[in-house]
Structures are given as structure tokens and as C-alpha cells.
Amino acid sequence: MSFNFNFAIVVLTLTTLTAFFCTGAEQKITTEETANGGEIRIFKRLIPADVLRDFPAMCFASTRCATVEPGKSWDLTPFCGRSTCVQNEENELKLLELVEDCGPLPLANDKCKLDTEKTNKTASFPYCCPIFTCEPGVKLEYPDIAKDNDKKNVE
């Protein structure tokens, strides 16, 4: 049993790292809960889906240790995020995983702090994303993942 659990952690870690280094779109949402404290940032990106050889037409959800049909979603608990199994339009034999999560943490800024009262790590996605509060007129800066990837590809 521990072998399966360790395998799931390795697969999840590889998936998470791959997702982190892929270029992603960003979406911001503001709700009543976050309007006074900031925005929740959602990053979306497509990565190759994990697929088991015995279930080639389904994505493998490593956080659930289960297979998922195209078009269906699953949460990434214990991480803050959600994934959706997507059929690749260019190659019907390949599946993709649309990963939505909180993205990278902002760059260090002494005038902005993690709001521990408004951040709820156990809430469902996207409300588990960290919320930062900054002094008036100060905006958080985030790393540009696309530029970082371009630099790595050149080196």
C-alpha cells in the first residue's frame, strides 16, 4: 500500500513541477470575501495528462489515485487547485490536463503581507489561495514564468 502512495506522490510532484514551469494564463477574481483584502489569482495552464496504459482514454488523477474521463474535473487536495481532463484537439490520441491553481507566490515586498486572517488553506479552490494585504498604493509583483522559461530554454 505504501508503494502506491509513494508512486502517487512522485507522479503528483512531477505533474506539479511541470505545471509550474509551463506558461500559463492568469485570471483574477474578486469576491465579497476578498474585496477588502485583495484578489484571488488563478493560473491556468495545459500540460500533458498522466495516463495509465490500461486506461488510455482517461486522465490519471494522482491526488485521487483514480482515472477521470475527458471533460471531468477533480480537486488537487492537499494542494490548492483543480484539474480538468481535456481531449487534445490536434491529436485525439493524446489527453491534456488543464491545471488551475494559485500560481507562484509574489516577489518579496516589505509593504505587503500574507493576510492570515483572510487566507483559508482548507477552503475549496479557489478560496484556499493566499490573500495578501499591501499598504495603500503598493501592488504586488509576481515572477514572470514565461520569461523564466525562455531563459532556461536558452541556457
N, C-alpha and C. Protein backbone atom coordinates (compact mmCIF):
# COMPACT_ATOMS: atom_id res chain seq x y z
N MET A 1 0.81 -1.20 0.00
CA MET A 1 0.00 0.00 0.00
C MET A 1 0.86 1.26 0.00
N SER A 2 1.96 1.26 0.74
CA SER A 2 2.81 2.44 0.78
C SER A 2 3.46 2.69 -0.58
N PHE A 3 3.69 1.63 -1.36
CA PHE A 3 4.26 1.81 -2.69
C PHE A 3 3.33 2.65 -3.55
N ASN A 4 2.03 2.35 -3.55
CA ASN A 4 1.07 3.12 -4.34
C ASN A 4 1.03 4.56 -3.89
N PHE A 5 1.07 4.79 -2.59
CA PHE A 5 1.03 6.15 -2.06
C PHE A 5 2.29 6.91 -2.49
N ASN A 6 3.46 6.28 -2.37
CA ASN A 6 4.70 6.93 -2.79
C ASN A 6 4.69 7.21 -4.29
N PHE A 7 4.18 6.28 -5.08
CA PHE A 7 4.08 6.47 -6.52
C PHE A 7 3.20 7.67 -6.82
N ALA A 8 2.09 7.80 -6.12
CA ALA A 8 1.18 8.93 -6.34
C ALA A 8 1.87 10.25 -6.00
N ILE A 9 2.66 10.26 -4.95
CA ILE A 9 3.37 11.48 -4.57
C ILE A 9 4.39 11.86 -5.63
N VAL A 10 5.13 10.88 -6.15
CA VAL A 10 6.11 11.15 -7.19
C VAL A 10 5.42 11.69 -8.44
N VAL A 11 4.35 11.05 -8.87
CA VAL A 11 3.61 11.50 -10.05
C VAL A 11 3.07 12.90 -9.82
N LEU A 12 2.51 13.14 -8.64
CA LEU A 12 1.96 14.46 -8.35
C LEU A 12 3.06 15.51 -8.34
N THR A 13 4.19 15.19 -7.76
CA THR A 13 5.30 16.14 -7.71
C THR A 13 5.77 16.48 -9.11
N LEU A 14 5.93 15.48 -9.96
CA LEU A 14 6.35 15.72 -11.34
C LEU A 14 5.30 16.54 -12.07
N THR A 15 4.03 16.23 -11.88
CA THR A 15 2.95 16.96 -12.53
C THR A 15 2.95 18.40 -12.04
N THR A 16 3.09 18.61 -10.75
CA THR A 16 3.08 19.95 -10.19
C THR A 16 4.26 20.76 -10.71
N LEU A 17 5.45 20.16 -10.76
CA LEU A 17 6.62 20.88 -11.26
C LEU A 17 6.46 21.20 -12.74
N THR A 18 5.95 20.26 -13.52
CA THR A 18 5.72 20.50 -14.94
C THR A 18 4.72 21.64 -15.09
N ALA A 19 3.66 21.61 -14.31
CA ALA A 19 2.64 22.65 -14.39
C ALA A 19 3.22 24.00 -14.04
N PHE A 20 4.07 24.05 -13.02
CA PHE A 20 4.64 25.31 -12.57
C PHE A 20 5.51 25.94 -13.65
N PHE A 21 6.23 25.14 -14.41
CA PHE A 21 7.15 25.68 -15.39
C PHE A 21 6.54 25.87 -16.77
N CYS A 22 5.27 25.55 -16.95
CA CYS A 22 4.60 25.80 -18.22
C CYS A 22 4.03 27.22 -18.21
N THR A 23 3.98 27.83 -19.37
CA THR A 23 3.40 29.16 -19.46
C THR A 23 1.92 29.08 -19.18
N GLY A 24 1.41 29.99 -18.38
CA GLY A 24 0.02 29.92 -18.00
C GLY A 24 -0.69 31.25 -18.16
N ALA A 25 -2.00 31.15 -18.31
CA ALA A 25 -2.84 32.34 -18.32
C ALA A 25 -3.22 32.65 -16.89
N GLU A 26 -3.43 33.90 -16.63
CA GLU A 26 -3.79 34.31 -15.27
C GLU A 26 -5.20 34.88 -15.28
N GLN A 27 -5.94 34.57 -14.27
CA GLN A 27 -7.28 35.11 -14.10
C GLN A 27 -7.37 35.64 -12.67
N LYS A 28 -7.99 36.79 -12.51
CA LYS A 28 -8.16 37.34 -11.16
C LYS A 28 -9.64 37.37 -10.85
N ILE A 29 -9.98 36.99 -9.64
CA ILE A 29 -11.38 37.09 -9.23
C ILE A 29 -11.44 37.88 -7.94
N THR A 30 -12.47 38.67 -7.82
CA THR A 30 -12.70 39.41 -6.59
C THR A 30 -14.08 39.02 -6.11
N THR A 31 -14.17 38.64 -4.86
CA THR A 31 -15.45 38.26 -4.28
C THR A 31 -15.71 39.13 -3.07
N GLU A 32 -16.88 38.99 -2.49
CA GLU A 32 -17.19 39.73 -1.27
C GLU A 32 -16.16 39.41 -0.20
N GLU A 33 -15.72 38.16 -0.15
CA GLU A 33 -14.78 37.73 0.89
C GLU A 33 -13.41 38.38 0.71
N THR A 34 -13.02 38.69 -0.53
CA THR A 34 -11.67 39.19 -0.76
C THR A 34 -11.66 40.66 -1.19
N ALA A 35 -12.82 41.27 -1.39
CA ALA A 35 -12.85 42.64 -1.91
C ALA A 35 -12.06 43.62 -1.04
N ASN A 36 -12.08 43.46 0.26
CA ASN A 36 -11.36 44.36 1.14
C ASN A 36 -9.90 43.96 1.29
N GLY A 37 -9.56 42.71 1.04
CA GLY A 37 -8.21 42.24 1.30
C GLY A 37 -7.40 41.95 0.06
N GLY A 38 -7.99 42.00 -1.11
CA GLY A 38 -7.22 41.73 -2.31
C GLY A 38 -7.94 40.79 -3.24
N GLU A 39 -7.20 40.37 -4.26
CA GLU A 39 -7.75 39.50 -5.29
C GLU A 39 -7.20 38.09 -5.13
N ILE A 40 -7.98 37.14 -5.58
CA ILE A 40 -7.50 35.76 -5.66
C ILE A 40 -7.01 35.59 -7.09
N ARG A 41 -5.78 35.15 -7.23
CA ARG A 41 -5.19 34.96 -8.55
C ARG A 41 -5.29 33.48 -8.92
N ILE A 42 -5.81 33.21 -10.10
CA ILE A 42 -5.92 31.83 -10.59
C ILE A 42 -5.07 31.72 -11.84
N PHE A 43 -4.16 30.75 -11.86
CA PHE A 43 -3.33 30.49 -13.02
C PHE A 43 -3.84 29.23 -13.70
N LYS A 44 -3.95 29.30 -15.03
CA LYS A 44 -4.42 28.15 -15.81
C LYS A 44 -3.36 27.79 -16.83
N ARG A 45 -3.13 26.48 -16.98
CA ARG A 45 -2.20 26.03 -18.00
C ARG A 45 -2.53 24.60 -18.39
N LEU A 46 -2.21 24.28 -19.65
CA LEU A 46 -2.40 22.92 -20.15
C LEU A 46 -1.07 22.19 -20.11
N ILE A 47 -1.11 20.98 -19.59
CA ILE A 47 0.08 20.13 -19.55
C ILE A 47 -0.33 18.76 -20.10
N PRO A 48 0.63 17.95 -20.52
CA PRO A 48 0.28 16.59 -20.93
C PRO A 48 -0.32 15.84 -19.73
N ALA A 49 -1.39 15.15 -19.96
CA ALA A 49 -2.05 14.41 -18.88
C ALA A 49 -1.29 13.13 -18.56
N ASP A 50 -1.33 12.75 -17.29
CA ASP A 50 -0.84 11.44 -16.90
C ASP A 50 -1.88 10.42 -17.34
N VAL A 51 -1.43 9.34 -17.96
CA VAL A 51 -2.35 8.32 -18.48
C VAL A 51 -1.80 6.95 -18.11
N LEU A 52 -2.68 6.08 -17.65
CA LEU A 52 -2.28 4.70 -17.35
C LEU A 52 -2.44 3.86 -18.61
N ARG A 53 -1.53 2.93 -18.85
CA ARG A 53 -1.58 2.15 -20.09
C ARG A 53 -2.85 1.32 -20.21
N ASP A 54 -3.44 0.92 -19.10
CA ASP A 54 -4.67 0.13 -19.16
C ASP A 54 -5.92 0.99 -19.37
N PHE A 55 -5.78 2.32 -19.26
CA PHE A 55 -6.91 3.25 -19.44
C PHE A 55 -6.45 4.42 -20.32
N PRO A 56 -6.10 4.15 -21.59
CA PRO A 56 -5.50 5.19 -22.44
C PRO A 56 -6.45 6.34 -22.80
N ALA A 57 -7.72 6.18 -22.63
CA ALA A 57 -8.68 7.22 -22.98
C ALA A 57 -9.11 8.04 -21.76
N MET A 58 -8.37 7.90 -20.65
CA MET A 58 -8.73 8.63 -19.43
C MET A 58 -7.48 9.24 -18.80
N CYS A 59 -7.66 10.37 -18.12
CA CYS A 59 -6.56 11.00 -17.39
C CYS A 59 -6.40 10.29 -16.05
N PHE A 60 -5.17 10.28 -15.55
CA PHE A 60 -4.92 9.73 -14.23
C PHE A 60 -4.79 10.89 -13.24
N ALA A 61 -5.69 10.92 -12.26
CA ALA A 61 -5.69 11.95 -11.22
C ALA A 61 -4.88 11.43 -10.05
N SER A 62 -3.63 11.83 -9.97
CA SER A 62 -2.73 11.27 -8.95
C SER A 62 -3.15 11.65 -7.53
N THR A 63 -3.79 12.80 -7.34
CA THR A 63 -4.21 13.17 -5.98
C THR A 63 -5.37 12.31 -5.50
N ARG A 64 -6.08 11.70 -6.42
CA ARG A 64 -7.18 10.80 -6.06
C ARG A 64 -6.83 9.34 -6.29
N CYS A 65 -5.73 9.11 -6.99
CA CYS A 65 -5.35 7.77 -7.41
C CYS A 65 -6.51 7.11 -8.15
N ALA A 66 -7.02 7.85 -9.15
CA ALA A 66 -8.19 7.41 -9.91
C ALA A 66 -8.09 7.90 -11.35
N THR A 67 -8.85 7.27 -12.23
CA THR A 67 -8.92 7.73 -13.61
C THR A 67 -10.12 8.65 -13.77
N VAL A 68 -9.99 9.60 -14.71
CA VAL A 68 -11.02 10.62 -14.91
C VAL A 68 -11.30 10.74 -16.41
N GLU A 69 -12.57 10.79 -16.77
CA GLU A 69 -12.98 10.93 -18.17
C GLU A 69 -12.71 12.34 -18.68
N PRO A 70 -12.46 12.48 -20.00
CA PRO A 70 -12.32 13.83 -20.56
C PRO A 70 -13.57 14.67 -20.26
N GLY A 71 -13.34 15.93 -19.91
CA GLY A 71 -14.43 16.84 -19.57
C GLY A 71 -14.74 16.89 -18.08
N LYS A 72 -14.21 15.95 -17.32
CA LYS A 72 -14.46 15.91 -15.86
C LYS A 72 -13.30 16.56 -15.11
N SER A 73 -13.61 17.12 -13.93
CA SER A 73 -12.61 17.79 -13.10
C SER A 73 -12.41 17.07 -11.78
N TRP A 74 -11.28 17.36 -11.11
CA TRP A 74 -11.03 16.84 -9.78
C TRP A 74 -10.21 17.87 -9.01
N ASP A 75 -10.37 17.87 -7.71
CA ASP A 75 -9.59 18.79 -6.88
C ASP A 75 -8.20 18.22 -6.64
N LEU A 76 -7.27 19.09 -6.32
CA LEU A 76 -5.88 18.69 -6.13
C LEU A 76 -5.47 18.63 -4.66
N THR A 77 -6.45 18.50 -3.79
CA THR A 77 -6.18 18.39 -2.36
C THR A 77 -5.15 17.30 -2.14
N PRO A 78 -4.10 17.55 -1.37
CA PRO A 78 -3.91 18.56 -0.34
C PRO A 78 -3.36 19.89 -0.86
N PHE A 79 -3.23 20.05 -2.16
CA PHE A 79 -2.78 21.31 -2.74
C PHE A 79 -4.01 22.13 -3.09
N CYS A 80 -3.82 23.42 -3.26
CA CYS A 80 -4.92 24.32 -3.59
C CYS A 80 -5.02 24.42 -5.10
N GLY A 81 -5.92 23.66 -5.68
CA GLY A 81 -6.07 23.69 -7.13
C GLY A 81 -7.10 22.72 -7.63
N ARG A 82 -7.31 22.77 -8.95
CA ARG A 82 -8.28 21.89 -9.61
C ARG A 82 -7.72 21.55 -10.97
N SER A 83 -7.98 20.34 -11.43
CA SER A 83 -7.57 19.91 -12.77
C SER A 83 -8.77 19.40 -13.53
N THR A 84 -8.68 19.50 -14.85
CA THR A 84 -9.74 19.01 -15.74
C THR A 84 -9.07 18.20 -16.84
N CYS A 85 -9.61 17.03 -17.12
CA CYS A 85 -9.13 16.18 -18.21
C CYS A 85 -9.68 16.75 -19.52
N VAL A 86 -8.77 17.02 -20.47
CA VAL A 86 -9.16 17.67 -21.73
C VAL A 86 -8.69 16.83 -22.90
N GLN A 87 -9.58 16.63 -23.87
CA GLN A 87 -9.21 15.93 -25.11
C GLN A 87 -8.42 16.88 -25.99
N ASN A 88 -7.25 16.46 -26.44
CA ASN A 88 -6.39 17.28 -27.30
C ASN A 88 -7.05 17.40 -28.67
N GLU A 89 -7.31 18.63 -29.12
CA GLU A 89 -7.98 18.84 -30.41
C GLU A 89 -7.08 18.50 -31.59
N GLU A 90 -5.76 18.68 -31.42
CA GLU A 90 -4.83 18.42 -32.51
C GLU A 90 -4.51 16.94 -32.68
N ASN A 91 -4.54 16.19 -31.57
CA ASN A 91 -4.20 14.78 -31.61
C ASN A 91 -5.16 14.05 -30.66
N GLU A 92 -6.17 13.42 -31.23
CA GLU A 92 -7.21 12.80 -30.41
C GLU A 92 -6.70 11.67 -29.53
N LEU A 93 -5.51 11.15 -29.82
CA LEU A 93 -4.96 10.07 -29.00
C LEU A 93 -4.29 10.59 -27.73
N LYS A 94 -4.04 11.88 -27.66
CA LYS A 94 -3.37 12.47 -26.50
C LYS A 94 -4.36 13.25 -25.65
N LEU A 95 -4.20 13.12 -24.34
CA LEU A 95 -5.04 13.87 -23.41
C LEU A 95 -4.20 14.95 -22.75
N LEU A 96 -4.86 16.03 -22.37
CA LEU A 96 -4.22 17.13 -21.68
C LEU A 96 -4.89 17.33 -20.32
N GLU A 97 -4.17 17.99 -19.44
CA GLU A 97 -4.72 18.31 -18.13
C GLU A 97 -4.70 19.83 -17.98
N LEU A 98 -5.88 20.41 -17.81
CA LEU A 98 -5.98 21.84 -17.54
C LEU A 98 -5.83 22.01 -16.04
N VAL A 99 -4.71 22.60 -15.62
CA VAL A 99 -4.43 22.79 -14.19
C VAL A 99 -4.77 24.23 -13.84
N GLU A 100 -5.57 24.40 -12.80
CA GLU A 100 -5.89 25.71 -12.26
C GLU A 100 -5.43 25.72 -10.81
N ASP A 101 -4.57 26.70 -10.48
CA ASP A 101 -4.12 26.81 -9.10
C ASP A 101 -3.78 28.26 -8.79
N CYS A 102 -3.15 28.48 -7.65
CA CYS A 102 -2.84 29.84 -7.18
C CYS A 102 -1.60 30.42 -7.83
N GLY A 103 -0.85 29.61 -8.56
CA GLY A 103 0.34 30.09 -9.22
C GLY A 103 1.48 30.37 -8.26
N PRO A 104 2.52 31.03 -8.75
CA PRO A 104 3.69 31.30 -7.90
C PRO A 104 3.39 32.37 -6.86
N LEU A 105 4.12 32.33 -5.77
CA LEU A 105 3.99 33.37 -4.76
C LEU A 105 4.57 34.67 -5.28
N PRO A 106 4.10 35.81 -4.77
CA PRO A 106 4.64 37.09 -5.23
C PRO A 106 6.08 37.28 -4.79
N LEU A 107 6.76 38.20 -5.46
CA LEU A 107 8.12 38.56 -5.07
C LEU A 107 8.08 39.23 -3.69
N ALA A 108 9.14 39.09 -2.93
CA ALA A 108 9.20 39.66 -1.59
C ALA A 108 8.98 41.17 -1.63
N ASN A 109 8.15 41.65 -0.71
CA ASN A 109 7.85 43.08 -0.63
C ASN A 109 7.53 43.39 0.83
N ASP A 110 8.33 44.24 1.45
CA ASP A 110 8.14 44.58 2.87
C ASP A 110 6.82 45.30 3.13
N LYS A 111 6.21 45.84 2.09
CA LYS A 111 4.97 46.62 2.27
C LYS A 111 3.72 45.78 2.03
N CYS A 112 3.91 44.50 1.78
CA CYS A 112 2.79 43.57 1.59
C CYS A 112 3.00 42.35 2.48
N LYS A 113 1.91 41.90 3.07
CA LYS A 113 1.99 40.75 3.98
C LYS A 113 0.88 39.75 3.65
N LEU A 114 1.17 38.49 3.92
CA LEU A 114 0.14 37.47 3.80
C LEU A 114 -0.91 37.73 4.86
N ASP A 115 -2.16 37.82 4.45
CA ASP A 115 -3.26 38.08 5.39
C ASP A 115 -3.73 36.73 5.93
N THR A 116 -3.20 36.36 7.09
CA THR A 116 -3.50 35.05 7.67
C THR A 116 -4.94 34.95 8.15
N GLU A 117 -5.59 36.07 8.40
CA GLU A 117 -7.00 36.04 8.84
C GLU A 117 -7.94 35.77 7.67
N LYS A 118 -7.58 36.22 6.48
CA LYS A 118 -8.45 36.05 5.31
C LYS A 118 -8.08 34.85 4.46
N THR A 119 -6.87 34.33 4.64
CA THR A 119 -6.43 33.15 3.89
C THR A 119 -6.92 31.90 4.60
N ASN A 120 -7.62 31.04 3.86
CA ASN A 120 -8.16 29.80 4.43
C ASN A 120 -7.62 28.63 3.62
N LYS A 121 -6.53 28.05 4.08
CA LYS A 121 -5.85 26.97 3.35
C LYS A 121 -6.71 25.72 3.20
N THR A 122 -7.73 25.55 4.04
CA THR A 122 -8.57 24.35 3.97
C THR A 122 -9.85 24.56 3.16
N ALA A 123 -10.07 25.77 2.66
CA ALA A 123 -11.27 26.04 1.85
C ALA A 123 -11.14 25.35 0.50
N SER A 124 -12.25 25.25 -0.21
CA SER A 124 -12.21 24.67 -1.55
C SER A 124 -11.62 25.69 -2.52
N PHE A 125 -11.07 25.18 -3.64
CA PHE A 125 -10.46 26.04 -4.65
C PHE A 125 -11.53 26.91 -5.29
N PRO A 126 -11.30 28.18 -5.51
CA PRO A 126 -10.07 28.94 -5.41
C PRO A 126 -9.91 29.69 -4.07
N TYR A 127 -10.80 29.46 -3.15
CA TYR A 127 -10.80 30.22 -1.90
C TYR A 127 -9.72 29.79 -0.92
N CYS A 128 -8.92 28.79 -1.30
CA CYS A 128 -7.78 28.36 -0.48
C CYS A 128 -6.50 29.11 -0.88
N CYS A 129 -6.55 29.90 -1.94
CA CYS A 129 -5.38 30.66 -2.39
C CYS A 129 -5.01 31.73 -1.38
N PRO A 130 -3.72 32.02 -1.27
CA PRO A 130 -3.29 33.04 -0.32
C PRO A 130 -3.78 34.43 -0.71
N ILE A 131 -4.12 35.22 0.29
CA ILE A 131 -4.57 36.60 0.09
C ILE A 131 -3.55 37.50 0.78
N PHE A 132 -3.06 38.49 0.05
CA PHE A 132 -2.07 39.41 0.58
C PHE A 132 -2.69 40.79 0.76
N THR A 133 -2.26 41.49 1.79
CA THR A 133 -2.68 42.85 2.05
C THR A 133 -1.46 43.75 1.94
N CYS A 134 -1.60 44.83 1.15
CA CYS A 134 -0.49 45.75 0.93
C CYS A 134 -0.86 47.14 1.45
N GLU A 135 0.18 47.90 1.74
CA GLU A 135 -0.04 49.29 2.12
C GLU A 135 -0.68 50.01 0.94
N PRO A 136 -1.44 51.11 1.21
CA PRO A 136 -2.09 51.85 0.11
C PRO A 136 -1.11 52.25 -0.98
N GLY A 137 -1.51 52.04 -2.24
CA GLY A 137 -0.71 52.41 -3.39
C GLY A 137 0.35 51.40 -3.78
N VAL A 138 0.49 50.32 -3.02
CA VAL A 138 1.52 49.31 -3.30
C VAL A 138 0.87 48.12 -3.99
N LYS A 139 1.50 47.65 -5.06
CA LYS A 139 1.00 46.46 -5.77
C LYS A 139 2.03 45.36 -5.69
N LEU A 140 1.55 44.16 -5.52
CA LEU A 140 2.44 43.00 -5.52
C LEU A 140 2.97 42.75 -6.93
N GLU A 141 4.19 42.27 -7.00
CA GLU A 141 4.77 41.86 -8.27
C GLU A 141 4.97 40.35 -8.22
N TYR A 142 4.70 39.71 -9.34
CA TYR A 142 4.82 38.26 -9.43
C TYR A 142 5.90 37.89 -10.44
N PRO A 143 6.56 36.76 -10.23
CA PRO A 143 7.57 36.34 -11.21
C PRO A 143 6.92 36.07 -12.56
N ASP A 144 7.62 36.40 -13.62
CA ASP A 144 7.13 36.15 -14.98
C ASP A 144 7.60 34.77 -15.40
N ILE A 145 6.74 33.80 -15.27
CA ILE A 145 7.11 32.41 -15.54
C ILE A 145 7.53 32.23 -16.99
N ALA A 146 6.86 32.89 -17.92
CA ALA A 146 7.18 32.74 -19.35
C ALA A 146 8.61 33.20 -19.62
N LYS A 147 9.03 34.34 -19.05
CA LYS A 147 10.40 34.83 -19.26
C LYS A 147 11.40 33.89 -18.61
N ASP A 148 11.08 33.39 -17.41
CA ASP A 148 11.97 32.45 -16.73
C ASP A 148 12.16 31.19 -17.56
N ASN A 149 11.08 30.70 -18.19
CA ASN A 149 11.18 29.51 -19.03
C ASN A 149 12.02 29.78 -20.26
N ASP A 150 11.86 30.97 -20.87
CA ASP A 150 12.65 31.31 -22.05
C ASP A 150 14.13 31.31 -21.71
N LYS A 151 14.50 31.85 -20.55
CA LYS A 151 15.90 31.89 -20.12
C LYS A 151 16.44 30.47 -19.93
N LYS A 152 15.64 29.58 -19.33
CA LYS A 152 16.07 28.20 -19.10
C LYS A 152 16.25 27.45 -20.41
N ASN A 153 15.37 27.73 -21.40
CA ASN A 153 15.46 27.05 -22.68
C ASN A 153 16.69 27.49 -23.48
N VAL A 154 17.18 28.72 -23.25
CA VAL A 154 18.34 29.24 -23.95
C VAL A 154 19.62 28.66 -23.34
N GLU A 155 19.65 28.51 -22.03
CA GLU A 155 20.87 28.06 -21.34
C GLU A 155 21.22 26.63 -21.62
